[in-house]
Amino acid sequence: MKKYISVNLRTDPKKNRLVVNRGFAYKDVSVPKGYTSDGLTKLINKYQPNCLRAAIVHDYVCDTHCIPRKKGDEYFREILKLDGVGRFQRNRYYWAVCTYRILTFKK
């Protein structure tokens, strides 16, 4: 039995990206239909089903600046937990996005 909440996606093989078929929301972030994401950027299995919702919300926050990036990082970790990602993996992904934000001076 899967623990994660799936999102309705399709792949765009030409661009190697995921396309949202049906919009969805998490708290005050609404990801619209047609938004594209690369999933978990730079990771070996970047299309892990239990991480996709978190990755898409985080990518949307980074692209649109609809909320502060730091808050988007927190949402990323919260969604990973809700979707059943273990504590070690969840914290590893969270610290990776925080480190990137700090190193690139993004707020």
PDB file of N, CA and C in Angstrom:
ATOM      1  N   MET A   1       0.835  -1.182   0.000  1.00  0.00           N
ATOM      2  CA  MET A   1       0.000   0.000   0.000  1.00  0.00           C
ATOM      3  C   MET A   1       0.879   1.243   0.000  1.00  0.00           C
ATOM      4  N   LYS A   2       0.631   2.162  -0.915  1.00  0.00           N
ATOM      5  CA  LYS A   2       1.435   3.369  -0.989  1.00  0.00           C
ATOM      6  C   LYS A   2       0.951   4.394   0.034  1.00  0.00           C
ATOM      7  N   LYS A   3       1.901   5.167   0.581  1.00  0.00           N
ATOM      8  CA  LYS A   3       1.566   6.175   1.573  1.00  0.00           C
ATOM      9  C   LYS A   3       1.467   7.561   0.954  1.00  0.00           C
ATOM     10  N   TYR A   4       2.074   7.762  -0.164  1.00  0.00           N
ATOM     11  CA  TYR A   4       2.150   9.098  -0.743  1.00  0.00           C
ATOM     12  C   TYR A   4       0.862   9.474  -1.455  1.00  0.00           C
ATOM     13  N   ILE A   5       0.677  10.779  -1.629  1.00  0.00           N
ATOM     14  CA  ILE A   5      -0.460  11.298  -2.377  1.00  0.00           C
ATOM     15  C   ILE A   5       0.022  11.543  -3.798  1.00  0.00           C
ATOM     16  N   SER A   6      -0.568  10.857  -4.745  1.00  0.00           N
ATOM     17  CA  SER A   6      -0.097  11.006  -6.121  1.00  0.00           C
ATOM     18  C   SER A   6      -0.681  12.261  -6.763  1.00  0.00           C
ATOM     19  N   VAL A   7       0.031  12.751  -7.739  1.00  0.00           N
ATOM     20  CA  VAL A   7      -0.441  13.886  -8.525  1.00  0.00           C
ATOM     21  C   VAL A   7      -0.584  13.414  -9.958  1.00  0.00           C
ATOM     22  N   ASN A   8      -1.468  14.053 -10.693  1.00  0.00           N
ATOM     23  CA  ASN A   8      -1.754  13.661 -12.066  1.00  0.00           C
ATOM     24  C   ASN A   8      -0.718  14.324 -12.979  1.00  0.00           C
ATOM     25  N   LEU A   9       0.230  13.511 -13.469  1.00  0.00           N
ATOM     26  CA  LEU A   9       1.346  14.012 -14.276  1.00  0.00           C
ATOM     27  C   LEU A   9       1.481  13.229 -15.564  1.00  0.00           C
ATOM     28  N   ARG A  10       2.186  13.841 -16.508  1.00  0.00           N
ATOM     29  CA  ARG A  10       2.641  13.119 -17.698  1.00  0.00           C
ATOM     30  C   ARG A  10       4.076  13.583 -17.960  1.00  0.00           C
ATOM     31  N   THR A  11       4.804  12.814 -18.706  1.00  0.00           N
ATOM     32  CA  THR A  11       6.174  13.208 -19.018  1.00  0.00           C
ATOM     33  C   THR A  11       6.243  13.827 -20.400  1.00  0.00           C
ATOM     34  N   ASP A  12       7.124  14.786 -20.538  1.00  0.00           N
ATOM     35  CA  ASP A  12       7.412  15.398 -21.831  1.00  0.00           C
ATOM     36  C   ASP A  12       8.800  14.910 -22.219  1.00  0.00           C
ATOM     37  N   PRO A  13       8.883  13.837 -23.016  1.00  0.00           N
ATOM     38  CA  PRO A  13      10.182  13.232 -23.317  1.00  0.00           C
ATOM     39  C   PRO A  13      11.138  14.158 -24.069  1.00  0.00           C
ATOM     40  N   LYS A  14      10.597  15.105 -24.819  1.00  0.00           N
ATOM     41  CA  LYS A  14      11.467  16.017 -25.561  1.00  0.00           C
ATOM     42  C   LYS A  14      12.260  16.918 -24.617  1.00  0.00           C
ATOM     43  N   LYS A  15      11.629  17.327 -23.532  1.00  0.00           N
ATOM     44  CA  LYS A  15      12.278  18.233 -22.586  1.00  0.00           C
ATOM     45  C   LYS A  15      12.744  17.527 -21.317  1.00  0.00           C
ATOM     46  N   ASN A  16      12.443  16.217 -21.175  1.00  0.00           N
ATOM     47  CA  ASN A  16      12.781  15.450 -19.986  1.00  0.00           C
ATOM     48  C   ASN A  16      12.210  16.113 -18.731  1.00  0.00           C
ATOM     49  N   ARG A  17      10.935  16.486 -18.820  1.00  0.00           N
ATOM     50  CA  ARG A  17      10.273  17.166 -17.707  1.00  0.00           C
ATOM     51  C   ARG A  17       8.901  16.539 -17.453  1.00  0.00           C
ATOM     52  N   LEU A  18       8.376  16.806 -16.275  1.00  0.00           N
ATOM     53  CA  LEU A  18       7.040  16.373 -15.902  1.00  0.00           C
ATOM     54  C   LEU A  18       6.064  17.515 -16.123  1.00  0.00           C
ATOM     55  N   VAL A  19       4.879  17.201 -16.597  1.00  0.00           N
ATOM     56  CA  VAL A  19       3.840  18.204 -16.837  1.00  0.00           C
ATOM     57  C   VAL A  19       2.649  17.873 -15.936  1.00  0.00           C
ATOM     58  N   VAL A  20       2.153  18.865 -15.209  1.00  0.00           N
ATOM     59  CA  VAL A  20       1.006  18.682 -14.321  1.00  0.00           C
ATOM     60  C   VAL A  20      -0.262  18.653 -15.171  1.00  0.00           C
ATOM     61  N   ASN A  21      -0.994  17.534 -15.124  1.00  0.00           N
ATOM     62  CA  ASN A  21      -2.238  17.394 -15.894  1.00  0.00           C
ATOM     63  C   ASN A  21      -3.435  18.010 -15.187  1.00  0.00           C
ATOM     64  N   ARG A  22      -3.409  18.002 -13.870  1.00  0.00           N
ATOM     65  CA  ARG A  22      -4.500  18.571 -13.088  1.00  0.00           C
ATOM     66  C   ARG A  22      -3.872  19.348 -11.935  1.00  0.00           C
ATOM     67  N   GLY A  23      -4.208  20.622 -11.849  1.00  0.00           N
ATOM     68  CA  GLY A  23      -3.637  21.467 -10.808  1.00  0.00           C
ATOM     69  C   GLY A  23      -3.928  20.935  -9.416  1.00  0.00           C
ATOM     70  N   PHE A  24      -3.097  21.299  -8.470  1.00  0.00           N
ATOM     71  CA  PHE A  24      -3.279  20.895  -7.077  1.00  0.00           C
ATOM     72  C   PHE A  24      -2.684  21.972  -6.186  1.00  0.00           C
ATOM     73  N   ALA A  25      -2.977  21.879  -4.895  1.00  0.00           N
ATOM     74  CA  ALA A  25      -2.519  22.907  -3.962  1.00  0.00           C
ATOM     75  C   ALA A  25      -1.967  22.270  -2.694  1.00  0.00           C
ATOM     76  N   TYR A  26      -1.078  23.003  -2.059  1.00  0.00           N
ATOM     77  CA  TYR A  26      -0.609  22.674  -0.720  1.00  0.00           C
ATOM     78  C   TYR A  26      -0.549  23.987   0.046  1.00  0.00           C
ATOM     79  N   LYS A  27      -1.330  24.088   1.091  1.00  0.00           N
ATOM     80  CA  LYS A  27      -1.454  25.304   1.893  1.00  0.00           C
ATOM     81  C   LYS A  27      -1.730  26.493   0.979  1.00  0.00           C
ATOM     82  N   ASP A  28      -0.834  27.481   0.937  1.00  0.00           N
ATOM     83  CA  ASP A  28      -1.097  28.679   0.133  1.00  0.00           C
ATOM     84  C   ASP A  28      -0.395  28.675  -1.222  1.00  0.00           C
ATOM     85  N   VAL A  29       0.021  27.496  -1.686  1.00  0.00           N
ATOM     86  CA  VAL A  29       0.664  27.363  -3.002  1.00  0.00           C
ATOM     87  C   VAL A  29      -0.247  26.524  -3.901  1.00  0.00           C
ATOM     88  N   SER A  30      -0.658  27.097  -5.016  1.00  0.00           N
ATOM     89  CA  SER A  30      -1.500  26.378  -5.979  1.00  0.00           C
ATOM     90  C   SER A  30      -0.721  26.175  -7.274  1.00  0.00           C
ATOM     91  N   VAL A  31      -0.429  24.922  -7.579  1.00  0.00           N
ATOM     92  CA  VAL A  31       0.301  24.590  -8.804  1.00  0.00           C
ATOM     93  C   VAL A  31      -0.729  24.392  -9.914  1.00  0.00           C
ATOM     94  N   PRO A  32      -0.653  25.182 -10.987  1.00  0.00           N
ATOM     95  CA  PRO A  32      -1.667  25.095 -12.039  1.00  0.00           C
ATOM     96  C   PRO A  32      -1.429  23.946 -13.025  1.00  0.00           C
ATOM     97  N   LYS A  33      -2.491  23.589 -13.704  1.00  0.00           N
ATOM     98  CA  LYS A  33      -2.404  22.620 -14.796  1.00  0.00           C
ATOM     99  C   LYS A  33      -1.435  23.169 -15.842  1.00  0.00           C
ATOM    100  N   GLY A  34      -0.580  22.297 -16.375  1.00  0.00           N
ATOM    101  CA  GLY A  34       0.355  22.693 -17.415  1.00  0.00           C
ATOM    102  C   GLY A  34       1.722  23.098 -16.901  1.00  0.00           C
ATOM    103  N   TYR A  35       1.867  23.252 -15.581  1.00  0.00           N
ATOM    104  CA  TYR A  35       3.179  23.608 -15.031  1.00  0.00           C
ATOM    105  C   TYR A  35       4.153  22.449 -15.266  1.00  0.00           C
ATOM    106  N   THR A  36       5.408  22.758 -15.611  1.00  0.00           N
ATOM    107  CA  THR A  36       6.409  21.714 -15.840  1.00  0.00           C
ATOM    108  C   THR A  36       7.484  21.772 -14.767  1.00  0.00           C
ATOM    109  N   SER A  37       7.991  20.610 -14.415  1.00  0.00           N
ATOM    110  CA  SER A  37       9.013  20.468 -13.378  1.00  0.00           C
ATOM    111  C   SER A  37      10.008  19.405 -13.812  1.00  0.00           C
ATOM    112  N   ASP A  38      11.203  19.467 -13.263  1.00  0.00           N
ATOM    113  CA  ASP A  38      12.187  18.423 -13.556  1.00  0.00           C
ATOM    114  C   ASP A  38      12.227  17.357 -12.463  1.00  0.00           C
ATOM    115  N   GLY A  39      11.278  17.380 -11.545  1.00  0.00           N
ATOM    116  CA  GLY A  39      11.266  16.390 -10.467  1.00  0.00           C
ATOM    117  C   GLY A  39      12.348  16.717  -9.454  1.00  0.00           C
ATOM    118  N   LEU A  40      12.973  15.703  -8.920  1.00  0.00           N
ATOM    119  CA  LEU A  40      14.068  15.909  -7.963  1.00  0.00           C
ATOM    120  C   LEU A  40      15.343  16.177  -8.760  1.00  0.00           C
ATOM    121  N   THR A  41      15.700  17.405  -8.905  1.00  0.00           N
ATOM    122  CA  THR A  41      16.829  17.833  -9.717  1.00  0.00           C
ATOM    123  C   THR A  41      18.117  17.145  -9.297  1.00  0.00           C
ATOM    124  N   LYS A  42      18.855  16.661 -10.275  1.00  0.00           N
ATOM    125  CA  LYS A  42      20.205  16.123 -10.098  1.00  0.00           C
ATOM    126  C   LYS A  42      20.301  14.864  -9.246  1.00  0.00           C
ATOM    127  N   LEU A  43      19.198  14.222  -8.928  1.00  0.00           N
ATOM    128  CA  LEU A  43      19.257  13.001  -8.148  1.00  0.00           C
ATOM    129  C   LEU A  43      19.148  11.801  -9.075  1.00  0.00           C
ATOM    130  N   ILE A  44      19.670  10.677  -8.608  1.00  0.00           N
ATOM    131  CA  ILE A  44      19.712   9.482  -9.444  1.00  0.00           C
ATOM    132  C   ILE A  44      18.307   9.063  -9.876  1.00  0.00           C
ATOM    133  N   ASN A  45      17.381   8.941  -8.926  1.00  0.00           N
ATOM    134  CA  ASN A  45      16.005   8.579  -9.255  1.00  0.00           C
ATOM    135  C   ASN A  45      15.133   9.814  -9.080  1.00  0.00           C
ATOM    136  N   LYS A  46      15.188  10.710 -10.045  1.00  0.00           N
ATOM    137  CA  LYS A  46      14.528  12.006  -9.898  1.00  0.00           C
ATOM    138  C   LYS A  46      13.021  11.956 -10.026  1.00  0.00           C
ATOM    139  N   TYR A  47      12.469  10.776 -10.364  1.00  0.00           N
ATOM    140  CA  TYR A  47      11.021  10.650 -10.478  1.00  0.00           C
ATOM    141  C   TYR A  47      10.459   9.695  -9.424  1.00  0.00           C
ATOM    142  N   GLN A  48      11.004   9.714  -8.218  1.00  0.00           N
ATOM    143  CA  GLN A  48      10.490   8.881  -7.141  1.00  0.00           C
ATOM    144  C   GLN A  48       9.056   9.298  -6.842  1.00  0.00           C
ATOM    145  N   PRO A  49       8.096   8.393  -6.926  1.00  0.00           N
ATOM    146  CA  PRO A  49       6.691   8.774  -6.761  1.00  0.00           C
ATOM    147  C   PRO A  49       6.384   9.469  -5.437  1.00  0.00           C
ATOM    148  N   ASN A  50       6.997   9.020  -4.344  1.00  0.00           N
ATOM    149  CA  ASN A  50       6.671   9.614  -3.054  1.00  0.00           C
ATOM    150  C   ASN A  50       7.342  10.969  -2.825  1.00  0.00           C
ATOM    151  N   CYS A  51       8.142  11.431  -3.764  1.00  0.00           N
ATOM    152  CA  CYS A  51       8.810  12.729  -3.635  1.00  0.00           C
ATOM    153  C   CYS A  51       8.341  13.751  -4.666  1.00  0.00           C
ATOM    154  N   LEU A  52       7.558  13.311  -5.623  1.00  0.00           N
ATOM    155  CA  LEU A  52       7.202  14.198  -6.735  1.00  0.00           C
ATOM    156  C   LEU A  52       6.345  15.385  -6.330  1.00  0.00           C
ATOM    157  N   ARG A  53       5.363  15.175  -5.458  1.00  0.00           N
ATOM    158  CA  ARG A  53       4.502  16.290  -5.064  1.00  0.00           C
ATOM    159  C   ARG A  53       5.334  17.374  -4.383  1.00  0.00           C
ATOM    160  N   ALA A  54       6.236  16.982  -3.502  1.00  0.00           N
ATOM    161  CA  ALA A  54       7.097  17.949  -2.815  1.00  0.00           C
ATOM    162  C   ALA A  54       8.004  18.667  -3.800  1.00  0.00           C
ATOM    163  N   ALA A  55       8.584  17.927  -4.729  1.00  0.00           N
ATOM    164  CA  ALA A  55       9.496  18.517  -5.711  1.00  0.00           C
ATOM    165  C   ALA A  55       8.769  19.510  -6.611  1.00  0.00           C
ATOM    166  N   ILE A  56       7.561  19.181  -7.024  1.00  0.00           N
ATOM    167  CA  ILE A  56       6.814  20.067  -7.916  1.00  0.00           C
ATOM    168  C   ILE A  56       6.404  21.344  -7.197  1.00  0.00           C
ATOM    169  N   VAL A  57       5.920  21.224  -5.965  1.00  0.00           N
ATOM    170  CA  VAL A  57       5.561  22.424  -5.195  1.00  0.00           C
ATOM    171  C   VAL A  57       6.796  23.291  -4.990  1.00  0.00           C
ATOM    172  N   HIS A  58       7.922  22.675  -4.648  1.00  0.00           N
ATOM    173  CA  HIS A  58       9.156  23.436  -4.416  1.00  0.00           C
ATOM    174  C   HIS A  58       9.628  24.123  -5.694  1.00  0.00           C
ATOM    175  N   ASP A  59       9.602  23.416  -6.803  1.00  0.00           N
ATOM    176  CA  ASP A  59       9.996  24.019  -8.085  1.00  0.00           C
ATOM    177  C   ASP A  59       9.092  25.201  -8.433  1.00  0.00           C
ATOM    178  N   TYR A  60       7.795  25.037  -8.181  1.00  0.00           N
ATOM    179  CA  TYR A  60       6.846  26.109  -8.477  1.00  0.00           C
ATOM    180  C   TYR A  60       7.141  27.353  -7.629  1.00  0.00           C
ATOM    181  N   VAL A  61       7.424  27.146  -6.361  1.00  0.00           N
ATOM    182  CA  VAL A  61       7.776  28.267  -5.466  1.00  0.00           C
ATOM    183  C   VAL A  61       9.044  28.956  -5.964  1.00  0.00           C
ATOM    184  N   CYS A  62      10.038  28.181  -6.353  1.00  0.00           N
ATOM    185  CA  CYS A  62      11.300  28.759  -6.831  1.00  0.00           C
ATOM    186  C   CYS A  62      11.109  29.522  -8.139  1.00  0.00           C
ATOM    187  N   ASP A  63      10.248  29.020  -9.014  1.00  0.00           N
ATOM    188  CA  ASP A  63      10.032  29.664 -10.312  1.00  0.00           C
ATOM    189  C   ASP A  63       9.172  30.920 -10.224  1.00  0.00           C
ATOM    190  N   THR A  64       8.163  30.899  -9.358  1.00  0.00           N
ATOM    191  CA  THR A  64       7.194  31.996  -9.342  1.00  0.00           C
ATOM    192  C   THR A  64       7.382  32.984  -8.200  1.00  0.00           C
ATOM    193  N   HIS A  65       8.123  32.595  -7.180  1.00  0.00           N
ATOM    194  CA  HIS A  65       8.328  33.451  -5.994  1.00  0.00           C
ATOM    195  C   HIS A  65       6.995  33.824  -5.342  1.00  0.00           C
ATOM    196  N   CYS A  66       6.027  32.911  -5.378  1.00  0.00           N
ATOM    197  CA  CYS A  66       4.699  33.182  -4.811  1.00  0.00           C
ATOM    198  C   CYS A  66       4.739  33.260  -3.289  1.00  0.00           C
ATOM    199  N   ILE A  67       5.715  32.625  -2.680  1.00  0.00           N
ATOM    200  CA  ILE A  67       5.984  32.739  -1.247  1.00  0.00           C
ATOM    201  C   ILE A  67       7.502  32.803  -1.098  1.00  0.00           C
ATOM    202  N   PRO A  68       8.014  33.221   0.065  1.00  0.00           N
ATOM    203  CA  PRO A  68       9.474  33.248   0.242  1.00  0.00           C
ATOM    204  C   PRO A  68      10.089  31.855   0.073  1.00  0.00           C
ATOM    205  N   ARG A  69      11.270  31.828  -0.486  1.00  0.00           N
ATOM    206  CA  ARG A  69      11.945  30.552  -0.779  1.00  0.00           C
ATOM    207  C   ARG A  69      12.146  29.716   0.481  1.00  0.00           C
ATOM    208  N   LYS A  70      12.494  30.357   1.597  1.00  0.00           N
ATOM    209  CA  LYS A  70      12.716  29.619   2.842  1.00  0.00           C
ATOM    210  C   LYS A  70      11.438  28.887   3.264  1.00  0.00           C
ATOM    211  N   LYS A  71      10.294  29.529   3.108  1.00  0.00           N
ATOM    212  CA  LYS A  71       9.015  28.904   3.423  1.00  0.00           C
ATOM    213  C   LYS A  71       8.753  27.752   2.449  1.00  0.00           C
ATOM    214  N   GLY A  72       9.135  27.922   1.190  1.00  0.00           N
ATOM    215  CA  GLY A  72       9.008  26.850   0.206  1.00  0.00           C
ATOM    216  C   GLY A  72       9.855  25.640   0.576  1.00  0.00           C
ATOM    217  N   ASP A  73      11.041  25.890   1.128  1.00  0.00           N
ATOM    218  CA  ASP A  73      11.896  24.792   1.591  1.00  0.00           C
ATOM    219  C   ASP A  73      11.219  24.027   2.722  1.00  0.00           C
ATOM    220  N   GLU A  74      10.578  24.753   3.633  1.00  0.00           N
ATOM    221  CA  GLU A  74       9.850  24.114   4.739  1.00  0.00           C
ATOM    222  C   GLU A  74       8.678  23.282   4.211  1.00  0.00           C
ATOM    223  N   TYR A  75       7.943  23.825   3.253  1.00  0.00           N
ATOM    224  CA  TYR A  75       6.839  23.079   2.649  1.00  0.00           C
ATOM    225  C   TYR A  75       7.362  21.795   2.001  1.00  0.00           C
ATOM    226  N   PHE A  76       8.507  21.888   1.348  1.00  0.00           N
ATOM    227  CA  PHE A  76       9.138  20.725   0.719  1.00  0.00           C
ATOM    228  C   PHE A  76       9.309  19.611   1.747  1.00  0.00           C
ATOM    229  N   ARG A  77       9.877  19.952   2.904  1.00  0.00           N
ATOM    230  CA  ARG A  77      10.105  18.934   3.943  1.00  0.00           C
ATOM    231  C   ARG A  77       8.782  18.411   4.506  1.00  0.00           C
ATOM    232  N   GLU A  78       7.822  19.301   4.723  1.00  0.00           N
ATOM    233  CA  GLU A  78       6.518  18.881   5.247  1.00  0.00           C
ATOM    234  C   GLU A  78       5.830  17.888   4.308  1.00  0.00           C
ATOM    235  N   ILE A  79       5.854  18.187   3.021  1.00  0.00           N
ATOM    236  CA  ILE A  79       5.189  17.309   2.052  1.00  0.00           C
ATOM    237  C   ILE A  79       5.898  15.957   1.976  1.00  0.00           C
ATOM    238  N   LEU A  80       7.226  15.969   2.029  1.00  0.00           N
ATOM    239  CA  LEU A  80       7.956  14.702   2.031  1.00  0.00           C
ATOM    240  C   LEU A  80       7.515  13.843   3.211  1.00  0.00           C
ATOM    241  N   LYS A  81       7.357  14.462   4.371  1.00  0.00           N
ATOM    242  CA  LYS A  81       6.918  13.707   5.551  1.00  0.00           C
ATOM    243  C   LYS A  81       5.497  13.179   5.348  1.00  0.00           C
ATOM    244  N   LEU A  82       4.599  14.035   4.865  1.00  0.00           N
ATOM    245  CA  LEU A  82       3.216  13.612   4.625  1.00  0.00           C
ATOM    246  C   LEU A  82       3.136  12.465   3.625  1.00  0.00           C
ATOM    247  N   ASP A  83       4.047  12.451   2.660  1.00  0.00           N
ATOM    248  CA  ASP A  83       4.030  11.420   1.618  1.00  0.00           C
ATOM    249  C   ASP A  83       4.868  10.191   1.972  1.00  0.00           C
ATOM    250  N   GLY A  84       5.256  10.084   3.243  1.00  0.00           N
ATOM    251  CA  GLY A  84       5.876   8.857   3.726  1.00  0.00           C
ATOM    252  C   GLY A  84       7.361   8.699   3.487  1.00  0.00           C
ATOM    253  N   VAL A  85       8.071   9.763   3.190  1.00  0.00           N
ATOM    254  CA  VAL A  85       9.522   9.675   3.013  1.00  0.00           C
ATOM    255  C   VAL A  85      10.160   9.595   4.398  1.00  0.00           C
ATOM    256  N   GLY A  86      11.080   8.675   4.571  1.00  0.00           N
ATOM    257  CA  GLY A  86      11.737   8.471   5.861  1.00  0.00           C
ATOM    258  C   GLY A  86      12.524   9.690   6.327  1.00  0.00           C
ATOM    259  N   ARG A  87      12.757   9.766   7.628  1.00  0.00           N
ATOM    260  CA  ARG A  87      13.400  10.930   8.219  1.00  0.00           C
ATOM    261  C   ARG A  87      14.788  11.210   7.636  1.00  0.00           C
ATOM    262  N   PHE A  88      15.607  10.182   7.469  1.00  0.00           N
ATOM    263  CA  PHE A  88      16.960  10.398   6.941  1.00  0.00           C
ATOM    264  C   PHE A  88      16.926  10.971   5.529  1.00  0.00           C
ATOM    265  N   GLN A  89      16.165  10.342   4.658  1.00  0.00           N
ATOM    266  CA  GLN A  89      16.080  10.802   3.263  1.00  0.00           C
ATOM    267  C   GLN A  89      15.432  12.180   3.187  1.00  0.00           C
ATOM    268  N   ARG A  90      14.386  12.385   3.985  1.00  0.00           N
ATOM    269  CA  ARG A  90      13.683  13.670   4.001  1.00  0.00           C
ATOM    270  C   ARG A  90      14.625  14.798   4.414  1.00  0.00           C
ATOM    271  N   ASN A  91      15.385  14.588   5.470  1.00  0.00           N
ATOM    272  CA  ASN A  91      16.320  15.620   5.929  1.00  0.00           C
ATOM    273  C   ASN A  91      17.472  15.825   4.958  1.00  0.00           C
ATOM    274  N   ARG A  92      17.902  14.766   4.323  1.00  0.00           N
ATOM    275  CA  ARG A  92      18.965  14.887   3.321  1.00  0.00           C
ATOM    276  C   ARG A  92      18.510  15.766   2.155  1.00  0.00           C
ATOM    277  N   TYR A  93      17.309  15.534   1.664  1.00  0.00           N
ATOM    278  CA  TYR A  93      16.776  16.350   0.572  1.00  0.00           C
ATOM    279  C   TYR A  93      16.563  17.794   1.025  1.00  0.00           C
ATOM    280  N   TYR A  94      16.020  17.960   2.225  1.00  0.00           N
ATOM    281  CA  TYR A  94      15.773  19.307   2.746  1.00  0.00           C
ATOM    282  C   TYR A  94      17.080  20.093   2.858  1.00  0.00           C
ATOM    283  N   TRP A  95      18.103  19.493   3.437  1.00  0.00           N
ATOM    284  CA  TRP A  95      19.373  20.210   3.588  1.00  0.00           C
ATOM    285  C   TRP A  95      20.044  20.468   2.245  1.00  0.00           C
ATOM    286  N   ALA A  96      19.789  19.625   1.279  1.00  0.00           N
ATOM    287  CA  ALA A  96      20.328  19.879  -0.065  1.00  0.00           C
ATOM    288  C   ALA A  96      19.706  21.143  -0.657  1.00  0.00           C
ATOM    289  N   VAL A  97      18.380  21.305  -0.539  1.00  0.00           N
ATOM    290  CA  VAL A  97      17.760  22.507  -1.096  1.00  0.00           C
ATOM    291  C   VAL A  97      18.134  23.751  -0.289  1.00  0.00           C
ATOM    292  N   CYS A  98      18.274  23.614   1.030  1.00  0.00           N
ATOM    293  CA  CYS A  98      18.698  24.759   1.857  1.00  0.00           C
ATOM    294  C   CYS A  98      20.128  25.180   1.530  1.00  0.00           C
ATOM    295  N   THR A  99      21.006  24.215   1.354  1.00  0.00           N
ATOM    296  CA  THR A  99      22.398  24.523   1.017  1.00  0.00           C
ATOM    297  C   THR A  99      22.466  25.237  -0.321  1.00  0.00           C
ATOM    298  N   TYR A 100      21.690  24.777  -1.297  1.00  0.00           N
ATOM    299  CA  TYR A 100      21.661  25.438  -2.594  1.00  0.00           C
ATOM    300  C   TYR A 100      21.183  26.881  -2.453  1.00  0.00           C
ATOM    301  N   ARG A 101      20.133  27.079  -1.655  1.00  0.00           N
ATOM    302  CA  ARG A 101      19.605  28.433  -1.452  1.00  0.00           C
ATOM    303  C   ARG A 101      20.664  29.334  -0.822  1.00  0.00           C
ATOM    304  N   ILE A 102      21.380  28.833   0.167  1.00  0.00           N
ATOM    305  CA  ILE A 102      22.395  29.620   0.851  1.00  0.00           C
ATOM    306  C   ILE A 102      23.575  29.920  -0.075  1.00  0.00           C
ATOM    307  N   LEU A 103      24.028  28.906  -0.809  1.00  0.00           N
ATOM    308  CA  LEU A 103      25.188  29.092  -1.690  1.00  0.00           C
ATOM    309  C   LEU A 103      24.900  29.998  -2.865  1.00  0.00           C
ATOM    310  N   THR A 104      23.641  30.070  -3.284  1.00  0.00           N
ATOM    311  CA  THR A 104      23.306  30.921  -4.412  1.00  0.00           C
ATOM    312  C   THR A 104      22.694  32.247  -3.963  1.00  0.00           C
ATOM    313  N   PHE A 105      22.662  32.476  -2.661  1.00  0.00           N
ATOM    314  CA  PHE A 105      22.151  33.725  -2.082  1.00  0.00           C
ATOM    315  C   PHE A 105      20.713  33.997  -2.478  1.00  0.00           C
ATOM    316  N   LYS A 106      19.904  32.969  -2.537  1.00  0.00           N
ATOM    317  CA  LYS A 106      18.497  33.162  -2.899  1.00  0.00           C
ATOM    318  C   LYS A 106      17.655  33.204  -1.624  1.00  0.00           C
ATOM    319  N   LYS A 107      16.702  34.122  -1.600  1.00  0.00           N
ATOM    320  CA  LYS A 107      15.839  34.232  -0.442  1.00  0.00           C
ATOM    321  C   LYS A 107      14.555  33.534  -0.745  1.00  0.00           C
TER     322      LYS A 107
END
